[in-house]
Amino acid sequence: MADKQVNQAQIIWAVALILAGLGVFYRIPQVMPTIEQIPRFEAASGFIRFCFYFIGIFLIGGGCKKLFHQYRRKGRP
């Protein structure tokens, strides 16, 4: 029973990671113009944009990896 709860918690966490990554991708176009208006960050806007996309990819990739491992583990006896 406890193993089943852990698996459910891991699946919920994986979905949360994927949704957070998608949220990052959704917010980047809305937030970047505001960041580019700050004089100190204006020159580094390309690097900042890259970092945001990198974080989004990491979140989605981590969630997908966690889901893959959970469903792969379920198939084993």
PDB file of N, CA and C in Angstrom:
ATOM      1  N   MET A   1       0.821  -1.199   0.000  1.00  0.00           N
ATOM      2  CA  MET A   1       0.000   0.000   0.000  1.00  0.00           C
ATOM      3  C   MET A   1       0.863   1.260   0.000  1.00  0.00           C
ATOM      4  N   ALA A   2       1.908   1.279   0.834  1.00  0.00           N
ATOM      5  CA  ALA A   2       2.775   2.451   0.899  1.00  0.00           C
ATOM      6  C   ALA A   2       3.522   2.643  -0.415  1.00  0.00           C
ATOM      7  N   ASP A   3       3.894   1.531  -1.072  1.00  0.00           N
ATOM      8  CA  ASP A   3       4.591   1.615  -2.357  1.00  0.00           C
ATOM      9  C   ASP A   3       3.693   2.262  -3.406  1.00  0.00           C
ATOM     10  N   LYS A   4       2.402   1.938  -3.361  1.00  0.00           N
ATOM     11  CA  LYS A   4       1.451   2.521  -4.312  1.00  0.00           C
ATOM     12  C   LYS A   4       1.329   4.028  -4.085  1.00  0.00           C
ATOM     13  N   GLN A   5       1.307   4.464  -2.812  1.00  0.00           N
ATOM     14  CA  GLN A   5       1.223   5.886  -2.507  1.00  0.00           C
ATOM     15  C   GLN A   5       2.472   6.627  -2.965  1.00  0.00           C
ATOM     16  N   VAL A   6       3.622   6.011  -2.807  1.00  0.00           N
ATOM     17  CA  VAL A   6       4.869   6.635  -3.263  1.00  0.00           C
ATOM     18  C   VAL A   6       4.833   6.797  -4.772  1.00  0.00           C
ATOM     19  N   ASN A   7       4.368   5.780  -5.480  1.00  0.00           N
ATOM     20  CA  ASN A   7       4.283   5.876  -6.929  1.00  0.00           C
ATOM     21  C   ASN A   7       3.326   6.987  -7.351  1.00  0.00           C
ATOM     22  N   GLN A   8       2.197   7.111  -6.683  1.00  0.00           N
ATOM     23  CA  GLN A   8       1.252   8.169  -7.009  1.00  0.00           C
ATOM     24  C   GLN A   8       1.860   9.543  -6.731  1.00  0.00           C
ATOM     25  N   ALA A   9       2.565   9.665  -5.628  1.00  0.00           N
ATOM     26  CA  ALA A   9       3.212  10.936  -5.304  1.00  0.00           C
ATOM     27  C   ALA A   9       4.280  11.271  -6.346  1.00  0.00           C
ATOM     28  N   GLN A  10       5.029  10.271  -6.788  1.00  0.00           N
ATOM     29  CA  GLN A  10       6.057  10.499  -7.801  1.00  0.00           C
ATOM     30  C   GLN A  10       5.438  10.906  -9.135  1.00  0.00           C
ATOM     31  N   ILE A  11       4.317  10.309  -9.475  1.00  0.00           N
ATOM     32  CA  ILE A  11       3.638  10.656 -10.723  1.00  0.00           C
ATOM     33  C   ILE A  11       3.098  12.083 -10.645  1.00  0.00           C
ATOM     34  N   ILE A  12       2.523  12.444  -9.502  1.00  0.00           N
ATOM     35  CA  ILE A  12       2.024  13.813  -9.329  1.00  0.00           C
ATOM     36  C   ILE A  12       3.175  14.805  -9.420  1.00  0.00           C
ATOM     37  N   TRP A  13       4.305  14.469  -8.813  1.00  0.00           N
ATOM     38  CA  TRP A  13       5.482  15.348  -8.871  1.00  0.00           C
ATOM     39  C   TRP A  13       5.994  15.487 -10.307  1.00  0.00           C
ATOM     40  N   ALA A  14       5.989  14.396 -11.056  1.00  0.00           N
ATOM     41  CA  ALA A  14       6.441  14.436 -12.449  1.00  0.00           C
ATOM     42  C   ALA A  14       5.537  15.332 -13.282  1.00  0.00           C
ATOM     43  N   VAL A  15       4.242  15.216 -13.088  1.00  0.00           N
ATOM     44  CA  VAL A  15       3.300  16.068 -13.826  1.00  0.00           C
ATOM     45  C   VAL A  15       3.481  17.526 -13.430  1.00  0.00           C
ATOM     46  N   ALA A  16       3.729  17.772 -12.146  1.00  0.00           N
ATOM     47  CA  ALA A  16       3.968  19.144 -11.690  1.00  0.00           C
ATOM     48  C   ALA A  16       5.229  19.726 -12.338  1.00  0.00           C
ATOM     49  N   LEU A  17       6.278  18.931 -12.466  1.00  0.00           N
ATOM     50  CA  LEU A  17       7.501  19.400 -13.127  1.00  0.00           C
ATOM     51  C   LEU A  17       7.236  19.756 -14.585  1.00  0.00           C
ATOM     52  N   ILE A  18       6.496  18.902 -15.269  1.00  0.00           N
ATOM     53  CA  ILE A  18       6.189  19.161 -16.677  1.00  0.00           C
ATOM     54  C   ILE A  18       5.356  20.431 -16.817  1.00  0.00           C
ATOM     55  N   LEU A  19       4.358  20.593 -15.966  1.00  0.00           N
ATOM     56  CA  LEU A  19       3.519  21.798 -16.032  1.00  0.00           C
ATOM     57  C   LEU A  19       4.319  23.055 -15.694  1.00  0.00           C
ATOM     58  N   ALA A  20       5.245  22.952 -14.747  1.00  0.00           N
ATOM     59  CA  ALA A  20       6.092  24.103 -14.421  1.00  0.00           C
ATOM     60  C   ALA A  20       6.972  24.471 -15.606  1.00  0.00           C
ATOM     61  N   GLY A  21       7.519  23.466 -16.291  1.00  0.00           N
ATOM     62  CA  GLY A  21       8.329  23.736 -17.478  1.00  0.00           C
ATOM     63  C   GLY A  21       7.521  24.388 -18.583  1.00  0.00           C
ATOM     64  N   LEU A  22       6.303  23.902 -18.795  1.00  0.00           N
ATOM     65  CA  LEU A  22       5.441  24.520 -19.801  1.00  0.00           C
ATOM     66  C   LEU A  22       5.069  25.943 -19.401  1.00  0.00           C
ATOM     67  N   GLY A  23       4.889  26.167 -18.103  1.00  0.00           N
ATOM     68  CA  GLY A  23       4.608  27.518 -17.613  1.00  0.00           C
ATOM     69  C   GLY A  23       5.764  28.471 -17.867  1.00  0.00           C
ATOM     70  N   VAL A  24       6.982  27.978 -17.733  1.00  0.00           N
ATOM     71  CA  VAL A  24       8.155  28.810 -18.030  1.00  0.00           C
ATOM     72  C   VAL A  24       8.145  29.213 -19.504  1.00  0.00           C
ATOM     73  N   PHE A  25       7.870  28.242 -20.389  1.00  0.00           N
ATOM     74  CA  PHE A  25       7.817  28.553 -21.817  1.00  0.00           C
ATOM     75  C   PHE A  25       6.706  29.550 -22.131  1.00  0.00           C
ATOM     76  N   TYR A  26       5.597  29.450 -21.418  1.00  0.00           N
ATOM     77  CA  TYR A  26       4.475  30.356 -21.651  1.00  0.00           C
ATOM     78  C   TYR A  26       4.809  31.778 -21.196  1.00  0.00           C
ATOM     79  N   ARG A  27       5.530  31.914 -20.085  1.00  0.00           N
ATOM     80  CA  ARG A  27       5.800  33.226 -19.500  1.00  0.00           C
ATOM     81  C   ARG A  27       6.988  33.973 -20.112  1.00  0.00           C
ATOM     82  N   ILE A  28       7.911  33.281 -20.765  1.00  0.00           N
ATOM     83  CA  ILE A  28       9.108  33.937 -21.292  1.00  0.00           C
ATOM     84  C   ILE A  28       8.764  35.109 -22.216  1.00  0.00           C
ATOM     85  N   PRO A  29       7.891  34.939 -23.208  1.00  0.00           N
ATOM     86  CA  PRO A  29       7.596  36.085 -24.084  1.00  0.00           C
ATOM     87  C   PRO A  29       6.937  37.258 -23.354  1.00  0.00           C
ATOM     88  N   GLN A  30       6.253  36.993 -22.252  1.00  0.00           N
ATOM     89  CA  GLN A  30       5.603  38.060 -21.502  1.00  0.00           C
ATOM     90  C   GLN A  30       6.568  38.793 -20.578  1.00  0.00           C
ATOM     91  N   VAL A  31       7.563  38.100 -20.068  1.00  0.00           N
ATOM     92  CA  VAL A  31       8.465  38.671 -19.070  1.00  0.00           C
ATOM     93  C   VAL A  31       9.699  39.318 -19.703  1.00  0.00           C
ATOM     94  N   MET A  32      10.160  38.795 -20.816  1.00  0.00           N
ATOM     95  CA  MET A  32      11.414  39.288 -21.404  1.00  0.00           C
ATOM     96  C   MET A  32      11.379  40.773 -21.767  1.00  0.00           C
ATOM     97  N   PRO A  33      10.297  41.325 -22.326  1.00  0.00           N
ATOM     98  CA  PRO A  33      10.308  42.775 -22.586  1.00  0.00           C
ATOM     99  C   PRO A  33      10.514  43.614 -21.326  1.00  0.00           C
ATOM    100  N   THR A  34       9.963  43.171 -20.212  1.00  0.00           N
ATOM    101  CA  THR A  34      10.160  43.887 -18.955  1.00  0.00           C
ATOM    102  C   THR A  34      11.611  43.797 -18.501  1.00  0.00           C
ATOM    103  N   ILE A  35      12.210  42.628 -18.631  1.00  0.00           N
ATOM    104  CA  ILE A  35      13.608  42.455 -18.236  1.00  0.00           C
ATOM    105  C   ILE A  35      14.520  43.272 -19.144  1.00  0.00           C
ATOM    106  N   GLU A  36      14.210  43.334 -20.435  1.00  0.00           N
ATOM    107  CA  GLU A  36      15.047  44.081 -21.372  1.00  0.00           C
ATOM    108  C   GLU A  36      14.991  45.588 -21.135  1.00  0.00           C
ATOM    109  N   GLN A  37      13.971  46.061 -20.446  1.00  0.00           N
ATOM    110  CA  GLN A  37      13.873  47.498 -20.145  1.00  0.00           C
ATOM    111  C   GLN A  37      14.793  47.904 -18.996  1.00  0.00           C
ATOM    112  N   ILE A  38      15.275  46.973 -18.230  1.00  0.00           N
ATOM    113  CA  ILE A  38      16.197  47.269 -17.132  1.00  0.00           C
ATOM    114  C   ILE A  38      17.583  47.470 -17.746  1.00  0.00           C
ATOM    115  N   PRO A  39      18.164  48.648 -17.583  1.00  0.00           N
ATOM    116  CA  PRO A  39      19.436  48.943 -18.254  1.00  0.00           C
ATOM    117  C   PRO A  39      20.559  47.950 -17.933  1.00  0.00           C
ATOM    118  N   ARG A  40      20.625  47.473 -16.725  1.00  0.00           N
ATOM    119  CA  ARG A  40      21.701  46.569 -16.327  1.00  0.00           C
ATOM    120  C   ARG A  40      21.606  45.221 -17.051  1.00  0.00           C
ATOM    121  N   PHE A  41      20.387  44.779 -17.385  1.00  0.00           N
ATOM    122  CA  PHE A  41      20.178  43.479 -18.011  1.00  0.00           C
ATOM    123  C   PHE A  41      19.990  43.569 -19.519  1.00  0.00           C
ATOM    124  N   GLU A  42      19.968  44.756 -20.072  1.00  0.00           N
ATOM    125  CA  GLU A  42      19.697  44.931 -21.502  1.00  0.00           C
ATOM    126  C   GLU A  42      20.731  44.215 -22.373  1.00  0.00           C
ATOM    127  N   ALA A  43      22.000  44.324 -22.018  1.00  0.00           N
ATOM    128  CA  ALA A  43      23.053  43.714 -22.833  1.00  0.00           C
ATOM    129  C   ALA A  43      23.061  42.189 -22.715  1.00  0.00           C
ATOM    130  N   ALA A  44      22.558  41.660 -21.619  1.00  0.00           N
ATOM    131  CA  ALA A  44      22.593  40.221 -21.389  1.00  0.00           C
ATOM    132  C   ALA A  44      21.249  39.552 -21.670  1.00  0.00           C
ATOM    133  N   SER A  45      20.366  40.223 -22.399  1.00  0.00           N
ATOM    134  CA  SER A  45      19.020  39.677 -22.592  1.00  0.00           C
ATOM    135  C   SER A  45      19.039  38.352 -23.354  1.00  0.00           C
ATOM    136  N   GLY A  46      19.950  38.171 -24.281  1.00  0.00           N
ATOM    137  CA  GLY A  46      20.045  36.908 -25.000  1.00  0.00           C
ATOM    138  C   GLY A  46      20.427  35.764 -24.081  1.00  0.00           C
ATOM    139  N   PHE A  47      21.383  36.021 -23.197  1.00  0.00           N
ATOM    140  CA  PHE A  47      21.807  34.999 -22.237  1.00  0.00           C
ATOM    141  C   PHE A  47      20.689  34.685 -21.249  1.00  0.00           C
ATOM    142  N   ILE A  48      19.984  35.712 -20.800  1.00  0.00           N
ATOM    143  CA  ILE A  48      18.876  35.508 -19.865  1.00  0.00           C
ATOM    144  C   ILE A  48      17.773  34.687 -20.521  1.00  0.00           C
ATOM    145  N   ARG A  49      17.467  34.984 -21.761  1.00  0.00           N
ATOM    146  CA  ARG A  49      16.446  34.233 -22.500  1.00  0.00           C
ATOM    147  C   ARG A  49      16.875  32.765 -22.632  1.00  0.00           C
ATOM    148  N   PHE A  50      18.151  32.542 -22.967  1.00  0.00           N
ATOM    149  CA  PHE A  50      18.682  31.186 -23.072  1.00  0.00           C
ATOM    150  C   PHE A  50      18.531  30.445 -21.744  1.00  0.00           C
ATOM    151  N   CYS A  51      18.847  31.105 -20.644  1.00  0.00           N
ATOM    152  CA  CYS A  51      18.756  30.474 -19.324  1.00  0.00           C
ATOM    153  C   CYS A  51      17.322  30.090 -18.986  1.00  0.00           C
ATOM    154  N   PHE A  52      16.374  30.977 -19.301  1.00  0.00           N
ATOM    155  CA  PHE A  52      14.966  30.651 -19.044  1.00  0.00           C
ATOM    156  C   PHE A  52      14.526  29.437 -19.853  1.00  0.00           C
ATOM    157  N   TYR A  53      14.885  29.393 -21.125  1.00  0.00           N
ATOM    158  CA  TYR A  53      14.510  28.243 -21.946  1.00  0.00           C
ATOM    159  C   TYR A  53      15.202  26.973 -21.454  1.00  0.00           C
ATOM    160  N   PHE A  54      16.434  27.095 -21.010  1.00  0.00           N
ATOM    161  CA  PHE A  54      17.173  25.957 -20.482  1.00  0.00           C
ATOM    162  C   PHE A  54      16.493  25.407 -19.224  1.00  0.00           C
ATOM    163  N   ILE A  55      16.044  26.295 -18.355  1.00  0.00           N
ATOM    164  CA  ILE A  55      15.324  25.874 -17.154  1.00  0.00           C
ATOM    165  C   ILE A  55      14.033  25.153 -17.534  1.00  0.00           C
ATOM    166  N   GLY A  56      13.310  25.695 -18.507  1.00  0.00           N
ATOM    167  CA  GLY A  56      12.079  25.060 -18.962  1.00  0.00           C
ATOM    168  C   GLY A  56      12.323  23.670 -19.517  1.00  0.00           C
ATOM    169  N   ILE A  57      13.368  23.526 -20.321  1.00  0.00           N
ATOM    170  CA  ILE A  57      13.707  22.215 -20.881  1.00  0.00           C
ATOM    171  C   ILE A  57      14.093  21.238 -19.779  1.00  0.00           C
ATOM    172  N   PHE A  58      14.858  21.710 -18.789  1.00  0.00           N
ATOM    173  CA  PHE A  58      15.238  20.844 -17.671  1.00  0.00           C
ATOM    174  C   PHE A  58      14.018  20.373 -16.882  1.00  0.00           C
ATOM    175  N   LEU A  59      13.078  21.273 -16.630  1.00  0.00           N
ATOM    176  CA  LEU A  59      11.880  20.893 -15.888  1.00  0.00           C
ATOM    177  C   LEU A  59      11.055  19.860 -16.656  1.00  0.00           C
ATOM    178  N   ILE A  60      10.832  20.109 -17.928  1.00  0.00           N
ATOM    179  CA  ILE A  60      10.052  19.172 -18.741  1.00  0.00           C
ATOM    180  C   ILE A  60      10.791  17.844 -18.868  1.00  0.00           C
ATOM    181  N   GLY A  61      12.079  17.894 -19.129  1.00  0.00           N
ATOM    182  CA  GLY A  61      12.866  16.667 -19.257  1.00  0.00           C
ATOM    183  C   GLY A  61      12.883  15.859 -17.970  1.00  0.00           C
ATOM    184  N   GLY A  62      13.025  16.522 -16.842  1.00  0.00           N
ATOM    185  CA  GLY A  62      13.023  15.821 -15.558  1.00  0.00           C
ATOM    186  C   GLY A  62      11.687  15.173 -15.264  1.00  0.00           C
ATOM    187  N   GLY A  63      10.609  15.877 -15.569  1.00  0.00           N
ATOM    188  CA  GLY A  63       9.287  15.300 -15.363  1.00  0.00           C
ATOM    189  C   GLY A  63       9.033  14.117 -16.270  1.00  0.00           C
ATOM    190  N   CYS A  64       9.434  14.221 -17.527  1.00  0.00           N
ATOM    191  CA  CYS A  64       9.258  13.107 -18.470  1.00  0.00           C
ATOM    192  C   CYS A  64      10.097  11.904 -18.049  1.00  0.00           C
ATOM    193  N   LYS A  65      11.315  12.156 -17.588  1.00  0.00           N
ATOM    194  CA  LYS A  65      12.175  11.062 -17.138  1.00  0.00           C
ATOM    195  C   LYS A  65      11.556  10.362 -15.936  1.00  0.00           C
ATOM    196  N   LYS A  66      11.028  11.145 -15.000  1.00  0.00           N
ATOM    197  CA  LYS A  66      10.409  10.570 -13.809  1.00  0.00           C
ATOM    198  C   LYS A  66       9.180   9.746 -14.194  1.00  0.00           C
ATOM    199  N   LEU A  67       8.347  10.240 -15.099  1.00  0.00           N
ATOM    200  CA  LEU A  67       7.187   9.478 -15.561  1.00  0.00           C
ATOM    201  C   LEU A  67       7.620   8.188 -16.243  1.00  0.00           C
ATOM    202  N   PHE A  68       8.616   8.278 -17.093  1.00  0.00           N
ATOM    203  CA  PHE A  68       9.111   7.103 -17.812  1.00  0.00           C
ATOM    204  C   PHE A  68       9.565   6.028 -16.838  1.00  0.00           C
ATOM    205  N   HIS A  69      10.328   6.432 -15.815  1.00  0.00           N
ATOM    206  CA  HIS A  69      10.831   5.460 -14.845  1.00  0.00           C
ATOM    207  C   HIS A  69       9.704   4.879 -13.991  1.00  0.00           C
ATOM    208  N   GLN A  70       8.698   5.670 -13.670  1.00  0.00           N
ATOM    209  CA  GLN A  70       7.588   5.157 -12.874  1.00  0.00           C
ATOM    210  C   GLN A  70       6.788   4.117 -13.664  1.00  0.00           C
ATOM    211  N   TYR A  71       6.507   4.394 -14.910  1.00  0.00           N
ATOM    212  CA  TYR A  71       5.729   3.443 -15.708  1.00  0.00           C
ATOM    213  C   TYR A  71       6.557   2.226 -16.099  1.00  0.00           C
ATOM    214  N   ARG A  72       7.843   2.405 -16.244  1.00  0.00           N
ATOM    215  CA  ARG A  72       8.733   1.271 -16.523  1.00  0.00           C
ATOM    216  C   ARG A  72       8.814   0.362 -15.299  1.00  0.00           C
ATOM    217  N   ARG A  73       8.832   0.952 -14.123  1.00  0.00           N
ATOM    218  CA  ARG A  73       8.895   0.177 -12.879  1.00  0.00           C
ATOM    219  C   ARG A  73       7.593  -0.570 -12.630  1.00  0.00           C
ATOM    220  N   LYS A  74       6.450   0.008 -13.050  1.00  0.00           N
ATOM    221  CA  LYS A  74       5.160  -0.655 -12.847  1.00  0.00           C
ATOM    222  C   LYS A  74       5.063  -1.961 -13.611  1.00  0.00           C
ATOM    223  N   GLY A  75       5.722  -2.049 -14.757  1.00  0.00           N
ATOM    224  CA  GLY A  75       5.656  -3.250 -15.583  1.00  0.00           C
ATOM    225  C   GLY A  75       6.399  -4.426 -14.978  1.00  0.00           C
ATOM    226  N   ARG A  76       7.324  -4.165 -14.069  1.00  0.00           N
ATOM    227  CA  ARG A  76       8.099  -5.247 -13.433  1.00  0.00           C
ATOM    228  C   ARG A  76       7.325  -5.853 -12.272  1.00  0.00           C
ATOM    229  N   PRO A  77       7.475  -7.149 -12.045  1.00  0.00           N
ATOM    230  CA  PRO A  77       6.759  -7.790 -10.931  1.00  0.00           C
ATOM    231  C   PRO A  77       7.341  -7.426  -9.583  1.00  0.00           C
TER     232      PRO A  77
END
